[in-house]
Protein backbone atom coordinates (compact mmCIF):
# COMPACT_ATOMS: atom_id res chain seq x y z
CA ALA A 1 35.87 47.39 -4.52
CA PRO A 2 33.89 49.39 -6.55
CA CYS A 3 30.73 49.07 -3.16
CA GLU A 4 31.58 51.03 0.20
CA TYR A 5 28.63 51.00 3.11
CA GLU A 6 28.57 51.85 7.15
CA GLY A 7 32.06 51.64 6.93
CA LYS A 8 32.98 48.07 4.75
CA GLN A 9 34.94 48.13 1.42
CA PHE A 10 32.52 45.07 -0.90
CA SER A 11 32.90 43.60 -4.09
CA LEU A 12 30.46 43.79 -7.51
CA GLY A 13 27.32 41.68 -7.01
CA GLU A 14 28.16 41.06 -3.40
CA SER A 15 25.35 40.89 -1.17
CA TRP A 16 24.70 41.29 2.57
CA LEU A 17 23.02 41.87 6.22
CA SER A 18 23.37 45.37 7.00
CA THR A 19 23.39 45.97 10.65
CA ASN A 20 19.13 47.94 10.80
CA CYS A 21 18.63 44.54 8.42
CA LEU A 22 18.27 45.09 4.90
CA LEU A 23 19.52 42.99 3.16
CA CYS A 24 22.14 45.18 0.46
CA THR A 25 24.00 44.41 -2.56
CA CYS A 26 26.88 46.22 -4.72
CA LEU A 27 25.77 47.39 -8.45
CA HIS A 28 27.34 48.81 -10.21
CA PRO A 29 26.92 51.21 -12.12
CA ILE A 30 24.34 51.90 -9.35
CA GLY A 31 26.21 51.42 -5.81
CA VAL A 32 24.77 49.40 -3.23
CA GLY A 33 20.89 48.66 -3.87
CA CYS A 34 19.02 47.92 0.10
CA CYS A 35 15.42 46.57 0.63
CA GLU A 36 13.71 45.29 4.08
CA THR A 37 13.43 41.46 3.93
CA THR A 38 11.14 40.91 7.18
CA GLN A 39 7.65 40.84 5.97
CA HIS A 40 5.32 43.84 8.50
CA PRO A 41 1.82 41.81 10.15
CA ILE A 42 -0.81 44.17 8.97
CA ASP A 43 -3.87 42.85 10.66
CA PHE A 44 -4.05 41.83 13.89
CA PRO A 45 -6.51 42.39 17.24
CA ASP A 46 -5.95 45.74 18.97
CA TRP A 47 -4.91 43.46 21.77
CA CYS A 48 -1.43 42.66 20.56
CA GLU A 49 1.46 44.65 18.84
CA ALA A 50 4.27 43.96 16.11
CA HIS A 51 7.18 43.14 17.89
CA TYR A 52 10.74 43.57 16.03
CA ASP A 53 13.48 41.99 17.51
CA SER A 54 17.40 43.74 16.05
CA GLN A 55 19.20 40.23 17.25
CA THR A 56 17.73 38.05 14.96
CA CYS A 57 15.28 40.74 12.30
CA GLN A 58 12.15 39.13 13.39
CA ILE A 59 8.63 40.49 13.63
CA SER A 60 6.78 38.62 15.73
CA VAL A 61 3.20 39.39 16.99
CA VAL A 62 3.16 39.48 20.81
CA GLN A 63 -0.22 40.93 23.74
CA LYS A 64 0.27 43.93 23.86
CA ALA A 65 -0.60 43.03 28.33
CA ASN A 66 2.25 40.15 28.45
CA PRO A 67 4.58 40.64 25.42
CA SER A 68 6.63 37.30 26.48
CA LEU A 69 2.87 35.58 24.41
CA PRO A 70 2.72 35.10 21.77
CA CYS A 71 -0.78 37.10 19.79
CA VAL A 72 -3.13 34.07 19.62
CA LYS A 73 -6.86 32.73 19.10
CA SER A 74 -8.13 32.18 22.86
CA VAL A 75 -11.86 31.94 24.91
CA GLU A 76 -11.53 35.72 25.38
CA HIS A 77 -9.58 37.15 22.94
CA GLU A 78 -11.98 36.02 19.45
CA TRP A 79 -10.43 37.46 16.47
CA GLY A 80 -9.77 36.51 12.03
CA SER A 81 -13.29 34.86 12.10
CA ALA A 82 -16.18 35.36 10.17
CA GLY A 83 -19.07 34.92 12.00
């Protein structure tokens, strides 16, 4: 096999999801090329935080005070409005 990554062999043109959620491809003549597959949120209120789930390779925005709850607009927390 032309590529080895994390102790595994891959064929030319083969793609896979690495253990740290990168999409990798076996490329010739470069070798293994990887890129991120998750979208990182950048514009959310300071009472929220981005939470990364390594099992699903997903990022969600949750409340800092209670990470089990999603970050949503409410009466107590206005965000993203123009006035």
